[in-house]
Amino acid sequence: MSETATLGAGCFWCVEAIFQNLKGVDAVVSGYAGGTVENPTYQQVCGGNTGHAEAIQITFDPEIISYEDVLYVFWRTHDPTTLNRQGQDVGTAYRSMIFYHDDTQKQTAETSRESTQASGLWPNPIVTEITKFTNFYPGESYHQNYYKLNPQQPYCRAVIDPKMQKFKKDFQDRLK
């Protein structure tokens, strides 16, 4: 039986590319979560008035990868200490978020955040929000599988490629 994780970690193109390559992940959808506007567009979310963050929704097999391990990768593939920012992407749409789907996920996320902070992995305090999942709206079709379909696009080469190289080096044993 599959489980679902919904995460925000900056630009959804970057996060999608990471999790698509992770063993046990069956599907990754880029979209918008956590806001109040129904069926928002990319332009609306980037405008900062919807309350939504760029997010991904992951369907994964807990027999292959646990929710705890999904979060382990999450903490190590973006900077959870920068408020409303990842690299050059700035604004509330790029905030670091974990949207929990049940009480077990909530507890796991809180414990994971505490242990990651205590580990010293990040010298600054983690600002990742942990909030109850309320909604997820898939992004426009041109945002889906973006890195796979546009590897030569300048943003992909400058921003996603370095993240992917680090991810593949650090998580060799967890790659598909």
N, C-alpha and C. Protein backbone atom coordinates (compact mmCIF):
# COMPACT_ATOMS: atom_id res chain seq x y z
N MET A 1 0.84 -1.18 0.00
CA MET A 1 0.00 0.00 0.00
C MET A 1 0.89 1.25 0.00
N SER A 2 0.61 2.17 -0.88
CA SER A 2 1.39 3.40 -1.00
C SER A 2 1.02 4.41 0.07
N GLU A 3 1.96 5.30 0.35
CA GLU A 3 1.71 6.44 1.23
C GLU A 3 2.01 7.71 0.46
N THR A 4 1.58 8.83 1.04
CA THR A 4 1.76 10.14 0.40
C THR A 4 2.53 11.06 1.33
N ALA A 5 3.45 11.80 0.75
CA ALA A 5 4.16 12.86 1.47
C ALA A 5 4.03 14.13 0.64
N THR A 6 3.82 15.25 1.30
CA THR A 6 3.72 16.53 0.62
C THR A 6 4.73 17.47 1.25
N LEU A 7 5.64 17.99 0.43
CA LEU A 7 6.78 18.77 0.92
C LEU A 7 6.99 20.02 0.08
N GLY A 8 7.43 21.08 0.73
CA GLY A 8 7.87 22.29 0.05
C GLY A 8 9.32 22.56 0.42
N ALA A 9 10.15 22.76 -0.58
CA ALA A 9 11.58 22.97 -0.32
C ALA A 9 12.19 23.88 -1.37
N GLY A 10 11.47 24.94 -1.69
CA GLY A 10 11.95 25.85 -2.72
C GLY A 10 11.30 25.53 -4.05
N CYS A 11 12.02 25.77 -5.11
CA CYS A 11 11.51 25.54 -6.47
C CYS A 11 11.12 24.07 -6.64
N PHE A 12 9.89 23.83 -7.05
CA PHE A 12 9.44 22.44 -7.16
C PHE A 12 10.18 21.67 -8.24
N TRP A 13 10.75 22.34 -9.22
CA TRP A 13 11.53 21.63 -10.25
C TRP A 13 12.71 20.90 -9.60
N CYS A 14 13.37 21.57 -8.64
CA CYS A 14 14.53 20.99 -7.97
C CYS A 14 14.14 19.80 -7.11
N VAL A 15 13.08 19.97 -6.35
CA VAL A 15 12.66 18.94 -5.40
C VAL A 15 12.12 17.72 -6.16
N GLU A 16 11.36 17.99 -7.21
CA GLU A 16 10.83 16.91 -8.04
C GLU A 16 11.96 16.06 -8.61
N ALA A 17 12.99 16.71 -9.13
CA ALA A 17 14.11 16.00 -9.74
C ALA A 17 14.79 15.07 -8.74
N ILE A 18 14.97 15.53 -7.52
CA ILE A 18 15.60 14.72 -6.47
C ILE A 18 14.76 13.48 -6.19
N PHE A 19 13.50 13.67 -5.86
CA PHE A 19 12.67 12.56 -5.40
C PHE A 19 12.29 11.59 -6.52
N GLN A 20 12.29 12.03 -7.76
CA GLN A 20 12.03 11.11 -8.87
C GLN A 20 13.12 10.05 -8.99
N ASN A 21 14.29 10.32 -8.46
CA ASN A 21 15.42 9.41 -8.57
C ASN A 21 15.62 8.54 -7.33
N LEU A 22 14.70 8.60 -6.40
CA LEU A 22 14.84 7.91 -5.12
C LEU A 22 14.10 6.57 -5.15
N LYS A 23 14.80 5.51 -4.77
CA LYS A 23 14.20 4.18 -4.68
C LYS A 23 12.98 4.22 -3.77
N GLY A 24 11.91 3.58 -4.22
CA GLY A 24 10.69 3.50 -3.42
C GLY A 24 9.68 4.59 -3.71
N VAL A 25 10.11 5.61 -4.45
CA VAL A 25 9.18 6.68 -4.84
C VAL A 25 8.54 6.28 -6.17
N ASP A 26 7.22 6.18 -6.15
CA ASP A 26 6.48 5.74 -7.33
C ASP A 26 6.09 6.91 -8.24
N ALA A 27 5.77 8.06 -7.65
CA ALA A 27 5.34 9.21 -8.44
C ALA A 27 5.65 10.50 -7.68
N VAL A 28 5.93 11.55 -8.45
CA VAL A 28 6.14 12.88 -7.89
C VAL A 28 5.37 13.87 -8.76
N VAL A 29 4.55 14.68 -8.12
CA VAL A 29 3.78 15.70 -8.83
C VAL A 29 4.17 17.06 -8.27
N SER A 30 4.50 17.99 -9.15
CA SER A 30 4.78 19.37 -8.75
C SER A 30 3.47 20.13 -8.67
N GLY A 31 3.35 20.98 -7.64
CA GLY A 31 2.13 21.76 -7.52
C GLY A 31 2.21 22.78 -6.41
N TYR A 32 1.06 23.08 -5.85
CA TYR A 32 0.92 24.15 -4.88
C TYR A 32 0.15 23.63 -3.67
N ALA A 33 0.60 24.00 -2.46
CA ALA A 33 -0.05 23.52 -1.25
C ALA A 33 -0.01 24.57 -0.15
N GLY A 34 -0.96 24.47 0.74
CA GLY A 34 -0.95 25.27 1.96
C GLY A 34 -1.64 26.61 1.89
N GLY A 35 -2.21 26.95 0.76
CA GLY A 35 -2.83 28.27 0.64
C GLY A 35 -4.34 28.24 0.69
N THR A 36 -4.93 29.38 0.38
CA THR A 36 -6.38 29.52 0.48
C THR A 36 -7.07 29.64 -0.87
N VAL A 37 -6.32 29.87 -1.94
CA VAL A 37 -6.92 30.03 -3.27
C VAL A 37 -7.05 28.66 -3.92
N GLU A 38 -8.27 28.35 -4.41
CA GLU A 38 -8.48 27.08 -5.08
C GLU A 38 -7.92 27.14 -6.50
N ASN A 39 -7.30 26.03 -6.92
CA ASN A 39 -6.75 25.90 -8.27
C ASN A 39 -5.91 27.10 -8.70
N PRO A 40 -4.90 27.45 -7.92
CA PRO A 40 -4.09 28.62 -8.26
C PRO A 40 -3.23 28.36 -9.49
N THR A 41 -2.86 29.44 -10.14
CA THR A 41 -1.92 29.35 -11.25
C THR A 41 -0.52 29.66 -10.74
N TYR A 42 0.46 29.33 -11.53
CA TYR A 42 1.85 29.62 -11.20
C TYR A 42 2.04 31.11 -10.96
N GLN A 43 1.45 31.94 -11.82
CA GLN A 43 1.59 33.39 -11.69
C GLN A 43 0.98 33.88 -10.37
N GLN A 44 -0.16 33.32 -9.99
CA GLN A 44 -0.80 33.71 -8.73
C GLN A 44 0.07 33.33 -7.53
N VAL A 45 0.61 32.12 -7.55
CA VAL A 45 1.44 31.66 -6.43
C VAL A 45 2.71 32.50 -6.33
N CYS A 46 3.34 32.77 -7.46
CA CYS A 46 4.56 33.61 -7.46
C CYS A 46 4.26 35.03 -6.99
N GLY A 47 3.03 35.48 -7.18
CA GLY A 47 2.64 36.82 -6.73
C GLY A 47 2.61 36.94 -5.22
N GLY A 48 2.54 35.80 -4.52
CA GLY A 48 2.63 35.80 -3.07
C GLY A 48 1.34 36.07 -2.32
N ASN A 49 0.21 36.11 -3.02
CA ASN A 49 -1.04 36.44 -2.33
C ASN A 49 -1.98 35.25 -2.13
N THR A 50 -1.53 34.04 -2.47
CA THR A 50 -2.41 32.88 -2.36
C THR A 50 -2.20 32.09 -1.07
N GLY A 51 -1.06 32.31 -0.42
CA GLY A 51 -0.70 31.52 0.75
C GLY A 51 -0.07 30.18 0.40
N HIS A 52 -0.05 29.84 -0.88
CA HIS A 52 0.50 28.56 -1.31
C HIS A 52 2.03 28.60 -1.39
N ALA A 53 2.61 27.44 -1.22
CA ALA A 53 4.04 27.24 -1.48
C ALA A 53 4.16 26.30 -2.68
N GLU A 54 5.23 26.47 -3.45
CA GLU A 54 5.53 25.45 -4.45
C GLU A 54 5.85 24.19 -3.66
N ALA A 55 5.25 23.09 -4.06
CA ALA A 55 5.39 21.84 -3.31
C ALA A 55 5.41 20.66 -4.26
N ILE A 56 5.79 19.53 -3.71
CA ILE A 56 5.67 18.28 -4.45
C ILE A 56 4.83 17.33 -3.62
N GLN A 57 4.11 16.47 -4.31
CA GLN A 57 3.39 15.41 -3.64
C GLN A 57 3.99 14.10 -4.14
N ILE A 58 4.46 13.31 -3.18
CA ILE A 58 5.17 12.08 -3.46
C ILE A 58 4.30 10.90 -3.09
N THR A 59 4.22 9.93 -3.98
CA THR A 59 3.61 8.65 -3.66
C THR A 59 4.77 7.68 -3.52
N PHE A 60 4.85 7.01 -2.36
CA PHE A 60 5.99 6.13 -2.12
C PHE A 60 5.55 4.81 -1.48
N ASP A 61 6.41 3.82 -1.62
CA ASP A 61 6.17 2.50 -1.07
C ASP A 61 6.90 2.39 0.27
N PRO A 62 6.17 2.37 1.39
CA PRO A 62 6.83 2.34 2.70
C PRO A 62 7.58 1.02 2.97
N GLU A 63 7.36 0.02 2.13
CA GLU A 63 8.13 -1.23 2.26
C GLU A 63 9.55 -1.02 1.74
N ILE A 64 9.73 -0.01 0.88
CA ILE A 64 11.05 0.27 0.28
C ILE A 64 11.71 1.48 0.92
N ILE A 65 10.91 2.52 1.17
CA ILE A 65 11.43 3.74 1.80
C ILE A 65 10.41 4.24 2.82
N SER A 66 10.86 4.48 4.02
CA SER A 66 9.97 4.96 5.07
C SER A 66 9.76 6.46 4.94
N TYR A 67 8.72 6.95 5.60
CA TYR A 67 8.48 8.40 5.65
C TYR A 67 9.67 9.09 6.32
N GLU A 68 10.21 8.46 7.35
CA GLU A 68 11.38 9.00 8.03
C GLU A 68 12.56 9.17 7.05
N ASP A 69 12.76 8.19 6.18
CA ASP A 69 13.83 8.29 5.19
C ASP A 69 13.54 9.34 4.11
N VAL A 70 12.27 9.50 3.75
CA VAL A 70 11.89 10.59 2.83
C VAL A 70 12.31 11.92 3.45
N LEU A 71 12.03 12.09 4.73
CA LEU A 71 12.39 13.33 5.42
C LEU A 71 13.91 13.48 5.56
N TYR A 72 14.61 12.39 5.75
CA TYR A 72 16.07 12.42 5.83
C TYR A 72 16.64 13.04 4.54
N VAL A 73 16.12 12.62 3.40
CA VAL A 73 16.55 13.18 2.12
C VAL A 73 16.13 14.65 2.02
N PHE A 74 14.91 14.95 2.42
CA PHE A 74 14.38 16.32 2.40
C PHE A 74 15.32 17.28 3.13
N TRP A 75 15.73 16.92 4.36
CA TRP A 75 16.58 17.82 5.16
C TRP A 75 17.94 18.05 4.51
N ARG A 76 18.42 17.11 3.73
CA ARG A 76 19.78 17.17 3.18
C ARG A 76 19.86 17.67 1.75
N THR A 77 18.72 17.98 1.14
CA THR A 77 18.74 18.41 -0.26
C THR A 77 18.19 19.82 -0.47
N HIS A 78 17.99 20.54 0.61
CA HIS A 78 17.67 21.97 0.53
C HIS A 78 18.12 22.60 1.84
N ASP A 79 18.09 23.92 1.91
CA ASP A 79 18.50 24.63 3.13
C ASP A 79 17.26 24.98 3.94
N PRO A 80 16.97 24.23 5.00
CA PRO A 80 15.77 24.48 5.79
C PRO A 80 15.93 25.61 6.81
N THR A 81 17.02 26.37 6.71
CA THR A 81 17.27 27.45 7.66
C THR A 81 17.01 28.83 7.07
N THR A 82 16.65 28.89 5.81
CA THR A 82 16.41 30.19 5.18
C THR A 82 14.91 30.41 5.05
N LEU A 83 14.41 31.46 5.64
CA LEU A 83 12.99 31.76 5.64
C LEU A 83 12.56 32.31 4.28
N ASN A 84 11.59 31.63 3.68
CA ASN A 84 11.01 32.09 2.42
C ASN A 84 12.05 32.27 1.31
N ARG A 85 12.99 31.32 1.26
CA ARG A 85 14.04 31.45 0.26
C ARG A 85 14.77 30.13 0.07
N GLN A 86 15.13 29.87 -1.19
CA GLN A 86 16.08 28.82 -1.53
C GLN A 86 16.94 29.40 -2.64
N GLY A 87 18.19 29.65 -2.33
CA GLY A 87 19.08 30.24 -3.33
C GLY A 87 18.56 31.59 -3.78
N GLN A 88 18.44 31.75 -5.09
CA GLN A 88 17.96 33.01 -5.65
C GLN A 88 16.43 33.10 -5.70
N ASP A 89 15.76 32.01 -5.39
CA ASP A 89 14.29 32.01 -5.38
C ASP A 89 13.82 32.54 -4.03
N VAL A 90 13.14 33.69 -4.06
CA VAL A 90 12.76 34.38 -2.83
C VAL A 90 11.25 34.63 -2.82
N GLY A 91 10.66 34.44 -1.65
CA GLY A 91 9.23 34.70 -1.46
C GLY A 91 8.58 33.56 -0.72
N THR A 92 7.38 33.79 -0.23
CA THR A 92 6.69 32.76 0.55
C THR A 92 6.41 31.50 -0.25
N ALA A 93 6.37 31.60 -1.56
CA ALA A 93 6.14 30.42 -2.41
C ALA A 93 7.31 29.43 -2.31
N TYR A 94 8.45 29.88 -1.81
CA TYR A 94 9.65 29.03 -1.76
C TYR A 94 10.02 28.61 -0.34
N ARG A 95 9.06 28.71 0.58
CA ARG A 95 9.36 28.36 1.96
C ARG A 95 9.49 26.85 2.14
N SER A 96 10.19 26.48 3.19
CA SER A 96 10.41 25.08 3.53
C SER A 96 9.24 24.61 4.39
N MET A 97 8.55 23.53 3.92
CA MET A 97 7.35 23.07 4.61
C MET A 97 7.22 21.56 4.54
N ILE A 98 6.67 21.01 5.60
CA ILE A 98 6.24 19.63 5.62
C ILE A 98 4.75 19.66 5.92
N PHE A 99 3.96 19.10 5.02
CA PHE A 99 2.52 19.02 5.21
C PHE A 99 2.19 17.60 5.65
N TYR A 100 1.86 17.42 6.91
CA TYR A 100 1.61 16.06 7.39
C TYR A 100 0.17 15.64 7.08
N HIS A 101 0.02 14.34 6.76
CA HIS A 101 -1.28 13.80 6.37
C HIS A 101 -2.00 13.11 7.52
N ASP A 102 -1.30 12.82 8.60
CA ASP A 102 -1.94 12.20 9.77
C ASP A 102 -1.05 12.45 11.00
N ASP A 103 -1.52 12.02 12.14
CA ASP A 103 -0.79 12.28 13.39
C ASP A 103 0.56 11.57 13.43
N THR A 104 0.65 10.41 12.81
CA THR A 104 1.92 9.69 12.77
C THR A 104 2.95 10.49 11.97
N GLN A 105 2.53 11.01 10.80
CA GLN A 105 3.45 11.84 10.02
C GLN A 105 3.83 13.10 10.79
N LYS A 106 2.90 13.69 11.50
CA LYS A 106 3.20 14.89 12.28
C LYS A 106 4.29 14.60 13.30
N GLN A 107 4.13 13.53 14.06
CA GLN A 107 5.11 13.18 15.09
C GLN A 107 6.46 12.85 14.45
N THR A 108 6.43 12.10 13.36
CA THR A 108 7.68 11.75 12.67
C THR A 108 8.38 13.01 12.18
N ALA A 109 7.63 13.94 11.61
CA ALA A 109 8.21 15.19 11.10
C ALA A 109 8.81 16.02 12.23
N GLU A 110 8.11 16.14 13.34
CA GLU A 110 8.62 16.92 14.46
C GLU A 110 9.89 16.29 15.04
N THR A 111 9.87 14.99 15.21
CA THR A 111 11.05 14.28 15.71
C THR A 111 12.22 14.41 14.75
N SER A 112 11.93 14.29 13.46
CA SER A 112 12.96 14.41 12.44
C SER A 112 13.58 15.81 12.42
N ARG A 113 12.74 16.82 12.55
CA ARG A 113 13.25 18.20 12.58
C ARG A 113 14.14 18.40 13.81
N GLU A 114 13.70 17.91 14.97
CA GLU A 114 14.48 18.06 16.20
C GLU A 114 15.83 17.34 16.09
N SER A 115 15.82 16.12 15.58
CA SER A 115 17.08 15.37 15.48
C SER A 115 18.01 15.98 14.43
N THR A 116 17.44 16.50 13.36
CA THR A 116 18.27 17.16 12.33
C THR A 116 18.90 18.43 12.91
N GLN A 117 18.13 19.21 13.65
CA GLN A 117 18.67 20.42 14.28
C GLN A 117 19.77 20.05 15.26
N ALA A 118 19.54 19.04 16.07
CA ALA A 118 20.51 18.62 17.08
C ALA A 118 21.78 18.02 16.46
N SER A 119 21.67 17.52 15.23
CA SER A 119 22.81 16.87 14.58
C SER A 119 23.92 17.85 14.19
N GLY A 120 23.57 19.14 14.09
CA GLY A 120 24.55 20.12 13.66
C GLY A 120 24.72 20.17 12.14
N LEU A 121 23.89 19.45 11.42
CA LEU A 121 23.95 19.47 9.96
C LEU A 121 23.85 20.91 9.44
N TRP A 122 22.98 21.67 10.06
CA TRP A 122 22.78 23.08 9.70
C TRP A 122 23.17 23.93 10.90
N PRO A 123 24.09 24.88 10.73
CA PRO A 123 24.53 25.69 11.87
C PRO A 123 23.46 26.67 12.35
N ASN A 124 22.56 27.07 11.48
CA ASN A 124 21.51 28.02 11.86
C ASN A 124 20.23 27.25 12.21
N PRO A 125 19.31 27.89 12.94
CA PRO A 125 18.06 27.21 13.31
C PRO A 125 17.22 26.85 12.08
N ILE A 126 16.62 25.69 12.13
CA ILE A 126 15.71 25.23 11.07
C ILE A 126 14.40 26.02 11.20
N VAL A 127 13.92 26.54 10.07
CA VAL A 127 12.67 27.33 10.07
C VAL A 127 11.55 26.62 9.32
N THR A 128 11.75 25.38 8.97
CA THR A 128 10.75 24.61 8.24
C THR A 128 9.44 24.55 9.03
N GLU A 129 8.35 24.88 8.36
CA GLU A 129 7.02 24.79 8.96
C GLU A 129 6.53 23.35 8.87
N ILE A 130 5.92 22.87 9.91
CA ILE A 130 5.25 21.58 9.89
C ILE A 130 3.79 21.87 10.13
N THR A 131 2.97 21.60 9.13
CA THR A 131 1.56 22.00 9.19
C THR A 131 0.67 20.91 8.61
N LYS A 132 -0.56 20.88 9.06
CA LYS A 132 -1.52 19.88 8.60
C LYS A 132 -1.81 20.07 7.11
N PHE A 133 -1.81 18.97 6.40
CA PHE A 133 -2.16 18.99 4.98
C PHE A 133 -3.62 19.38 4.82
N THR A 134 -3.88 20.35 3.96
CA THR A 134 -5.26 20.73 3.67
C THR A 134 -5.60 20.61 2.20
N ASN A 135 -4.63 20.91 1.34
CA ASN A 135 -4.93 20.88 -0.09
C ASN A 135 -3.64 20.78 -0.89
N PHE A 136 -3.77 20.26 -2.09
CA PHE A 136 -2.67 20.20 -3.04
C PHE A 136 -3.28 20.35 -4.42
N TYR A 137 -2.74 21.27 -5.19
CA TYR A 137 -3.21 21.49 -6.55
C TYR A 137 -2.04 21.23 -7.49
N PRO A 138 -2.16 20.23 -8.38
CA PRO A 138 -1.07 19.99 -9.33
C PRO A 138 -0.78 21.25 -10.15
N GLY A 139 0.50 21.45 -10.40
CA GLY A 139 0.91 22.58 -11.23
C GLY A 139 0.57 22.33 -12.69
N GLU A 140 0.76 23.35 -13.47
CA GLU A 140 0.50 23.27 -14.89
C GLU A 140 1.36 22.17 -15.52
N SER A 141 0.90 21.62 -16.63
CA SER A 141 1.59 20.48 -17.25
C SER A 141 3.04 20.79 -17.59
N TYR A 142 3.34 22.03 -17.95
CA TYR A 142 4.72 22.35 -18.32
C TYR A 142 5.67 22.34 -17.12
N HIS A 143 5.14 22.26 -15.89
CA HIS A 143 5.98 22.16 -14.70
C HIS A 143 6.29 20.71 -14.32
N GLN A 144 5.57 19.77 -14.88
CA GLN A 144 5.75 18.37 -14.51
C GLN A 144 6.97 17.78 -15.24
N ASN A 145 7.76 17.02 -14.52
CA ASN A 145 8.95 16.38 -15.08
C ASN A 145 9.89 17.40 -15.72
N TYR A 146 9.94 18.58 -15.14
CA TYR A 146 10.63 19.69 -15.79
C TYR A 146 12.11 19.40 -16.06
N TYR A 147 12.81 18.93 -15.08
CA TYR A 147 14.25 18.68 -15.25
C TYR A 147 14.49 17.57 -16.27
N LYS A 148 13.69 16.53 -16.23
CA LYS A 148 13.84 15.43 -17.19
C LYS A 148 13.62 15.92 -18.62
N LEU A 149 12.66 16.81 -18.79
CA LEU A 149 12.30 17.27 -20.13
C LEU A 149 13.11 18.46 -20.62
N ASN A 150 13.77 19.17 -19.70
CA ASN A 150 14.48 20.41 -20.06
C ASN A 150 15.88 20.46 -19.46
N PRO A 151 16.69 19.42 -19.58
CA PRO A 151 17.98 19.40 -18.88
C PRO A 151 18.95 20.49 -19.34
N GLN A 152 18.76 21.01 -20.53
CA GLN A 152 19.67 22.04 -21.04
C GLN A 152 19.20 23.46 -20.74
N GLN A 153 18.02 23.60 -20.16
CA GLN A 153 17.50 24.92 -19.82
C GLN A 153 18.47 25.57 -18.82
N PRO A 154 18.77 26.86 -18.93
CA PRO A 154 19.76 27.51 -18.06
C PRO A 154 19.53 27.31 -16.56
N TYR A 155 18.30 27.40 -16.07
CA TYR A 155 18.04 27.20 -14.65
C TYR A 155 18.41 25.77 -14.25
N CYS A 156 18.07 24.82 -15.10
CA CYS A 156 18.39 23.42 -14.80
C CYS A 156 19.90 23.22 -14.71
N ARG A 157 20.61 23.79 -15.65
CA ARG A 157 22.07 23.62 -15.67
C ARG A 157 22.73 24.33 -14.48
N ALA A 158 22.26 25.52 -14.15
CA ALA A 158 22.91 26.32 -13.10
C ALA A 158 22.49 25.92 -11.69
N VAL A 159 21.25 25.51 -11.51
CA VAL A 159 20.72 25.28 -10.16
C VAL A 159 20.46 23.79 -9.87
N ILE A 160 19.76 23.13 -10.78
CA ILE A 160 19.37 21.74 -10.51
C ILE A 160 20.53 20.78 -10.70
N ASP A 161 21.33 20.96 -11.76
CA ASP A 161 22.47 20.05 -11.99
C ASP A 161 23.37 19.91 -10.76
N PRO A 162 23.82 21.01 -10.14
CA PRO A 162 24.67 20.85 -8.95
C PRO A 162 23.97 20.10 -7.81
N LYS A 163 22.67 20.36 -7.62
CA LYS A 163 21.93 19.65 -6.57
C LYS A 163 21.87 18.15 -6.89
N MET A 164 21.64 17.83 -8.16
CA MET A 164 21.54 16.44 -8.56
C MET A 164 22.89 15.73 -8.40
N GLN A 165 23.96 16.40 -8.75
CA GLN A 165 25.29 15.79 -8.60
C GLN A 165 25.57 15.48 -7.13
N LYS A 166 25.26 16.43 -6.25
CA LYS A 166 25.46 16.21 -4.81
C LYS A 166 24.55 15.09 -4.31
N PHE A 167 23.30 15.12 -4.72
CA PHE A 167 22.34 14.09 -4.31
C PHE A 167 22.82 12.70 -4.74
N LYS A 168 23.23 12.56 -5.98
CA LYS A 168 23.66 11.25 -6.49
C LYS A 168 24.92 10.76 -5.78
N LYS A 169 25.78 11.68 -5.39
CA LYS A 169 26.98 11.30 -4.65
C LYS A 169 26.63 10.88 -3.21
N ASP A 170 25.78 11.68 -2.56
CA ASP A 170 25.46 11.43 -1.15
C ASP A 170 24.48 10.27 -0.94
N PHE A 171 23.68 9.96 -1.94
CA PHE A 171 22.64 8.94 -1.78
C PHE A 171 22.76 7.82 -2.81
N GLN A 172 23.98 7.44 -3.15
CA GLN A 172 24.21 6.41 -4.17
C GLN A 172 23.41 5.14 -3.91
N ASP A 173 23.35 4.73 -2.66
CA ASP A 173 22.69 3.49 -2.31
C ASP A 173 21.16 3.59 -2.33
N ARG A 174 20.64 4.78 -2.53
CA ARG A 174 19.17 4.96 -2.53
C ARG A 174 18.63 5.35 -3.90
N LEU A 175 19.48 5.35 -4.92
CA LEU A 175 19.04 5.74 -6.26
C LEU A 175 18.31 4.60 -6.96
N LYS A 176 17.38 4.98 -7.82
CA LYS A 176 16.68 4.00 -8.64
C LYS A 176 17.65 3.39 -9.63
